[in-house]
Amino acid sequence: MIRFLIATTLIFAIALAWIGVQYVTRWYARRHPEFGPWREPRGCGLGCTCDEPCEERRNRTDA
């Protein structure tokens, strides 16, 4: 039972840490506009690139 609680707490802490990292990067981007706008990471999990939009790749893999 203790391992379950440790694992659950650890996963929750990692998720909160990632949210904190995103907050800090957005804050930094607002404070330093000379580096350009903050771009949120995007993707559908299919390994898409800018040359090949996700919808086209999804349609090809479904067929």
PDB file of N, CA and C in Angstrom:
ATOM      1  N   MET A   1       0.815  -1.191   0.000  1.00  0.00           N
ATOM      2  CA  MET A   1       0.000   0.000   0.000  1.00  0.00           C
ATOM      3  C   MET A   1       0.863   1.262   0.000  1.00  0.00           C
ATOM      4  N   ILE A   2       1.970   1.181   0.726  1.00  0.00           N
ATOM      5  CA  ILE A   2       2.844   2.350   0.803  1.00  0.00           C
ATOM      6  C   ILE A   2       3.474   2.644  -0.556  1.00  0.00           C
ATOM      7  N   ARG A   3       3.783   1.599  -1.309  1.00  0.00           N
ATOM      8  CA  ARG A   3       4.343   1.811  -2.655  1.00  0.00           C
ATOM      9  C   ARG A   3       3.331   2.494  -3.573  1.00  0.00           C
ATOM     10  N   PHE A   4       2.071   2.118  -3.441  1.00  0.00           N
ATOM     11  CA  PHE A   4       1.020   2.747  -4.232  1.00  0.00           C
ATOM     12  C   PHE A   4       0.928   4.235  -3.908  1.00  0.00           C
ATOM     13  N   LEU A   5       0.950   4.585  -2.639  1.00  0.00           N
ATOM     14  CA  LEU A   5       0.869   5.986  -2.236  1.00  0.00           C
ATOM     15  C   LEU A   5       2.091   6.782  -2.698  1.00  0.00           C
ATOM     16  N   ILE A   6       3.250   6.173  -2.610  1.00  0.00           N
ATOM     17  CA  ILE A   6       4.474   6.845  -3.074  1.00  0.00           C
ATOM     18  C   ILE A   6       4.406   7.067  -4.580  1.00  0.00           C
ATOM     19  N   ALA A   7       3.997   6.050  -5.321  1.00  0.00           N
ATOM     20  CA  ALA A   7       3.912   6.170  -6.782  1.00  0.00           C
ATOM     21  C   ALA A   7       2.888   7.222  -7.187  1.00  0.00           C
ATOM     22  N   THR A   8       1.730   7.215  -6.538  1.00  0.00           N
ATOM     23  CA  THR A   8       0.690   8.198  -6.849  1.00  0.00           C
ATOM     24  C   THR A   8       1.173   9.606  -6.542  1.00  0.00           C
ATOM     25  N   THR A   9       1.798   9.788  -5.395  1.00  0.00           N
ATOM     26  CA  THR A   9       2.326  11.102  -5.013  1.00  0.00           C
ATOM     27  C   THR A   9       3.411  11.547  -5.974  1.00  0.00           C
ATOM     28  N   LEU A  10       4.272  10.645  -6.376  1.00  0.00           N
ATOM     29  CA  LEU A  10       5.349  10.984  -7.300  1.00  0.00           C
ATOM     30  C   LEU A  10       4.805  11.403  -8.663  1.00  0.00           C
ATOM     31  N   ILE A  11       3.838  10.677  -9.188  1.00  0.00           N
ATOM     32  CA  ILE A  11       3.244  11.025 -10.483  1.00  0.00           C
ATOM     33  C   ILE A  11       2.564  12.388 -10.403  1.00  0.00           C
ATOM     34  N   PHE A  12       1.828  12.630  -9.324  1.00  0.00           N
ATOM     35  CA  PHE A  12       1.160  13.913  -9.133  1.00  0.00           C
ATOM     36  C   PHE A  12       2.184  15.043  -9.035  1.00  0.00           C
ATOM     37  N   ALA A  13       3.275  14.822  -8.309  1.00  0.00           N
ATOM     38  CA  ALA A  13       4.319  15.839  -8.160  1.00  0.00           C
ATOM     39  C   ALA A  13       4.995  16.143  -9.499  1.00  0.00           C
ATOM     40  N   ILE A  14       5.227  15.124 -10.308  1.00  0.00           N
ATOM     41  CA  ILE A  14       5.842  15.339 -11.618  1.00  0.00           C
ATOM     42  C   ILE A  14       4.904  16.142 -12.516  1.00  0.00           C
ATOM     43  N   ALA A  15       3.610  15.838 -12.470  1.00  0.00           N
ATOM     44  CA  ALA A  15       2.635  16.587 -13.268  1.00  0.00           C
ATOM     45  C   ALA A  15       2.599  18.048 -12.827  1.00  0.00           C
ATOM     46  N   LEU A  16       2.590  18.298 -11.529  1.00  0.00           N
ATOM     47  CA  LEU A  16       2.612  19.671 -11.029  1.00  0.00           C
ATOM     48  C   LEU A  16       3.901  20.391 -11.405  1.00  0.00           C
ATOM     49  N   ALA A  17       5.012  19.682 -11.367  1.00  0.00           N
ATOM     50  CA  ALA A  17       6.285  20.283 -11.755  1.00  0.00           C
ATOM     51  C   ALA A  17       6.254  20.683 -13.233  1.00  0.00           C
ATOM     52  N   TRP A  18       5.660  19.852 -14.088  1.00  0.00           N
ATOM     53  CA  TRP A  18       5.572  20.182 -15.511  1.00  0.00           C
ATOM     54  C   TRP A  18       4.685  21.407 -15.736  1.00  0.00           C
ATOM     55  N   ILE A  19       3.598  21.507 -14.998  1.00  0.00           N
ATOM     56  CA  ILE A  19       2.748  22.695 -15.092  1.00  0.00           C
ATOM     57  C   ILE A  19       3.544  23.924 -14.654  1.00  0.00           C
ATOM     58  N   GLY A  20       4.356  23.784 -13.622  1.00  0.00           N
ATOM     59  CA  GLY A  20       5.208  24.882 -13.166  1.00  0.00           C
ATOM     60  C   GLY A  20       6.221  25.297 -14.218  1.00  0.00           C
ATOM     61  N   VAL A  21       6.814  24.337 -14.891  1.00  0.00           N
ATOM     62  CA  VAL A  21       7.773  24.640 -15.956  1.00  0.00           C
ATOM     63  C   VAL A  21       7.090  25.412 -17.080  1.00  0.00           C
ATOM     64  N   GLN A  22       5.887  25.000 -17.467  1.00  0.00           N
ATOM     65  CA  GLN A  22       5.160  25.718 -18.511  1.00  0.00           C
ATOM     66  C   GLN A  22       4.839  27.138 -18.078  1.00  0.00           C
ATOM     67  N   TYR A  23       4.448  27.318 -16.830  1.00  0.00           N
ATOM     68  CA  TYR A  23       4.151  28.660 -16.312  1.00  0.00           C
ATOM     69  C   TYR A  23       5.391  29.552 -16.378  1.00  0.00           C
ATOM     70  N   VAL A  24       6.526  29.025 -15.935  1.00  0.00           N
ATOM     71  CA  VAL A  24       7.763  29.807 -15.930  1.00  0.00           C
ATOM     72  C   VAL A  24       8.179  30.161 -17.349  1.00  0.00           C
ATOM     73  N   THR A  25       8.057  29.251 -18.292  1.00  0.00           N
ATOM     74  CA  THR A  25       8.455  29.559 -19.671  1.00  0.00           C
ATOM     75  C   THR A  25       7.543  30.608 -20.298  1.00  0.00           C
ATOM     76  N   ARG A  26       6.245  30.550 -19.996  1.00  0.00           N
ATOM     77  CA  ARG A  26       5.333  31.595 -20.496  1.00  0.00           C
ATOM     78  C   ARG A  26       5.662  32.940 -19.878  1.00  0.00           C
ATOM     79  N   TRP A  27       5.933  32.940 -18.579  1.00  0.00           N
ATOM     80  CA  TRP A  27       6.296  34.167 -17.886  1.00  0.00           C
ATOM     81  C   TRP A  27       7.576  34.748 -18.485  1.00  0.00           C
ATOM     82  N   TYR A  28       8.563  33.917 -18.711  1.00  0.00           N
ATOM     83  CA  TYR A  28       9.834  34.362 -19.278  1.00  0.00           C
ATOM     84  C   TYR A  28       9.630  34.928 -20.689  1.00  0.00           C
ATOM     85  N   ALA A  29       8.793  34.280 -21.475  1.00  0.00           N
ATOM     86  CA  ALA A  29       8.528  34.753 -22.834  1.00  0.00           C
ATOM     87  C   ALA A  29       7.839  36.117 -22.818  1.00  0.00           C
ATOM     88  N   ARG A  30       6.947  36.333 -21.854  1.00  0.00           N
ATOM     89  CA  ARG A  30       6.303  37.647 -21.743  1.00  0.00           C
ATOM     90  C   ARG A  30       7.298  38.715 -21.323  1.00  0.00           C
ATOM     91  N   ARG A  31       8.232  38.377 -20.459  1.00  0.00           N
ATOM     92  CA  ARG A  31       9.206  39.346 -19.967  1.00  0.00           C
ATOM     93  C   ARG A  31      10.319  39.633 -20.982  1.00  0.00           C
ATOM     94  N   HIS A  32      10.536  38.736 -21.922  1.00  0.00           N
ATOM     95  CA  HIS A  32      11.617  38.886 -22.907  1.00  0.00           C
ATOM     96  C   HIS A  32      11.062  38.716 -24.322  1.00  0.00           C
ATOM     97  N   PRO A  33      10.338  39.709 -24.820  1.00  0.00           N
ATOM     98  CA  PRO A  33       9.738  39.582 -26.160  1.00  0.00           C
ATOM     99  C   PRO A  33      10.780  39.574 -27.277  1.00  0.00           C
ATOM    100  N   GLU A  34      12.009  39.948 -26.989  1.00  0.00           N
ATOM    101  CA  GLU A  34      13.036  39.951 -28.028  1.00  0.00           C
ATOM    102  C   GLU A  34      13.366  38.554 -28.539  1.00  0.00           C
ATOM    103  N   PHE A  35      12.985  37.532 -27.793  1.00  0.00           N
ATOM    104  CA  PHE A  35      13.233  36.153 -28.218  1.00  0.00           C
ATOM    105  C   PHE A  35      12.092  35.589 -29.051  1.00  0.00           C
ATOM    106  N   GLY A  36      11.055  36.379 -29.283  1.00  0.00           N
ATOM    107  CA  GLY A  36       9.918  35.934 -30.086  1.00  0.00           C
ATOM    108  C   GLY A  36       8.811  35.390 -29.207  1.00  0.00           C
ATOM    109  N   PRO A  37       7.669  35.103 -29.817  1.00  0.00           N
ATOM    110  CA  PRO A  37       6.528  34.622 -29.029  1.00  0.00           C
ATOM    111  C   PRO A  37       6.714  33.181 -28.583  1.00  0.00           C
ATOM    112  N   TRP A  38       6.077  32.854 -27.481  1.00  0.00           N
ATOM    113  CA  TRP A  38       6.100  31.478 -26.972  1.00  0.00           C
ATOM    114  C   TRP A  38       5.200  30.617 -27.838  1.00  0.00           C
ATOM    115  N   ARG A  39       5.727  29.510 -28.287  1.00  0.00           N
ATOM    116  CA  ARG A  39       4.949  28.577 -29.101  1.00  0.00           C
ATOM    117  C   ARG A  39       4.664  27.339 -28.276  1.00  0.00           C
ATOM    118  N   GLU A  40       3.398  27.053 -28.102  1.00  0.00           N
ATOM    119  CA  GLU A  40       3.000  25.863 -27.360  1.00  0.00           C
ATOM    120  C   GLU A  40       3.356  24.626 -28.180  1.00  0.00           C
ATOM    121  N   PRO A  41       3.872  23.593 -27.520  1.00  0.00           N
ATOM    122  CA  PRO A  41       4.128  22.354 -28.261  1.00  0.00           C
ATOM    123  C   PRO A  41       2.807  21.741 -28.713  1.00  0.00           C
ATOM    124  N   ARG A  42       2.753  21.312 -29.944  1.00  0.00           N
ATOM    125  CA  ARG A  42       1.530  20.726 -30.494  1.00  0.00           C
ATOM    126  C   ARG A  42       1.843  19.370 -31.076  1.00  0.00           C
ATOM    127  N   GLY A  43       0.815  18.659 -31.383  1.00  0.00           N
ATOM    128  CA  GLY A  43       0.988  17.362 -32.016  1.00  0.00           C
ATOM    129  C   GLY A  43      -0.135  16.430 -31.647  1.00  0.00           C
ATOM    130  N   CYS A  44      -0.309  15.442 -32.457  1.00  0.00           N
ATOM    131  CA  CYS A  44      -1.379  14.484 -32.220  1.00  0.00           C
ATOM    132  C   CYS A  44      -0.821  13.131 -31.797  1.00  0.00           C
ATOM    133  N   GLY A  45       0.486  13.044 -31.630  1.00  0.00           N
ATOM    134  CA  GLY A  45       1.079  11.786 -31.223  1.00  0.00           C
ATOM    135  C   GLY A  45       1.412  10.859 -32.371  1.00  0.00           C
ATOM    136  N   LEU A  46       1.257  11.343 -33.593  1.00  0.00           N
ATOM    137  CA  LEU A  46       1.555  10.497 -34.754  1.00  0.00           C
ATOM    138  C   LEU A  46       2.910  10.823 -35.376  1.00  0.00           C
ATOM    139  N   GLY A  47       3.693  11.684 -34.749  1.00  0.00           N
ATOM    140  CA  GLY A  47       4.988  12.040 -35.297  1.00  0.00           C
ATOM    141  C   GLY A  47       4.877  12.984 -36.476  1.00  0.00           C
ATOM    142  N   CYS A  48       3.919  13.896 -36.443  1.00  0.00           N
ATOM    143  CA  CYS A  48       3.691  14.815 -37.550  1.00  0.00           C
ATOM    144  C   CYS A  48       4.781  15.882 -37.605  1.00  0.00           C
ATOM    145  N   THR A  49       4.935  16.462 -38.783  1.00  0.00           N
ATOM    146  CA  THR A  49       5.871  17.568 -38.958  1.00  0.00           C
ATOM    147  C   THR A  49       5.126  18.732 -39.583  1.00  0.00           C
ATOM    148  N   CYS A  50       5.818  19.843 -39.705  1.00  0.00           N
ATOM    149  CA  CYS A  50       5.202  21.008 -40.332  1.00  0.00           C
ATOM    150  C   CYS A  50       4.890  20.750 -41.804  1.00  0.00           C
ATOM    151  N   ASP A  51       5.668  19.898 -42.451  1.00  0.00           N
ATOM    152  CA  ASP A  51       5.446  19.591 -43.858  1.00  0.00           C
ATOM    153  C   ASP A  51       4.250  18.678 -44.069  1.00  0.00           C
ATOM    154  N   GLU A  52       3.857  17.978 -43.030  1.00  0.00           N
ATOM    155  CA  GLU A  52       2.810  16.972 -43.156  1.00  0.00           C
ATOM    156  C   GLU A  52       1.815  17.147 -42.005  1.00  0.00           C
ATOM    157  N   PRO A  53       0.713  17.850 -42.224  1.00  0.00           N
ATOM    158  CA  PRO A  53      -0.249  18.089 -41.143  1.00  0.00           C
ATOM    159  C   PRO A  53      -0.812  16.793 -40.575  1.00  0.00           C
ATOM    160  N   CYS A  54      -1.215  16.857 -39.317  1.00  0.00           N
ATOM    161  CA  CYS A  54      -1.710  15.670 -38.610  1.00  0.00           C
ATOM    162  C   CYS A  54      -2.917  15.046 -39.294  1.00  0.00           C
ATOM    163  N   GLU A  55      -3.834  15.861 -39.800  1.00  0.00           N
ATOM    164  CA  GLU A  55      -5.041  15.324 -40.422  1.00  0.00           C
ATOM    165  C   GLU A  55      -4.698  14.446 -41.625  1.00  0.00           C
ATOM    166  N   GLU A  56      -3.761  14.905 -42.450  1.00  0.00           N
ATOM    167  CA  GLU A  56      -3.393  14.104 -43.621  1.00  0.00           C
ATOM    168  C   GLU A  56      -2.777  12.786 -43.195  1.00  0.00           C
ATOM    169  N   ARG A  57      -1.930  12.824 -42.191  1.00  0.00           N
ATOM    170  CA  ARG A  57      -1.276  11.594 -41.743  1.00  0.00           C
ATOM    171  C   ARG A  57      -2.292  10.653 -41.105  1.00  0.00           C
ATOM    172  N   ARG A  58      -3.215  11.189 -40.314  1.00  0.00           N
ATOM    173  CA  ARG A  58      -4.236  10.369 -39.669  1.00  0.00           C
ATOM    174  C   ARG A  58      -5.103   9.683 -40.725  1.00  0.00           C
ATOM    175  N   ASN A  59      -5.469  10.427 -41.784  1.00  0.00           N
ATOM    176  CA  ASN A  59      -6.297   9.858 -42.848  1.00  0.00           C
ATOM    177  C   ASN A  59      -5.562   8.744 -43.582  1.00  0.00           C
ATOM    178  N   ARG A  60      -4.261   8.927 -43.765  1.00  0.00           N
ATOM    179  CA  ARG A  60      -3.480   7.902 -44.460  1.00  0.00           C
ATOM    180  C   ARG A  60      -3.342   6.636 -43.622  1.00  0.00           C
ATOM    181  N   THR A  61      -3.172   6.776 -42.292  1.00  0.00           N
ATOM    182  CA  THR A  61      -2.992   5.589 -41.457  1.00  0.00           C
ATOM    183  C   THR A  61      -4.308   4.863 -41.222  1.00  0.00           C
ATOM    184  N   ASP A  62      -5.449   5.568 -41.296  1.00  0.00           N
ATOM    185  CA  ASP A  62      -6.746   4.924 -41.105  1.00  0.00           C
ATOM    186  C   ASP A  62      -7.178   4.111 -42.319  1.00  0.00           C
ATOM    187  N   ALA A  63      -6.727   4.491 -43.483  1.00  0.00           N
ATOM    188  CA  ALA A  63      -7.179   3.840 -44.718  1.00  0.00           C
ATOM    189  C   ALA A  63      -6.554   2.485 -44.929  1.00  0.00           C
TER     190      ALA A  63
END
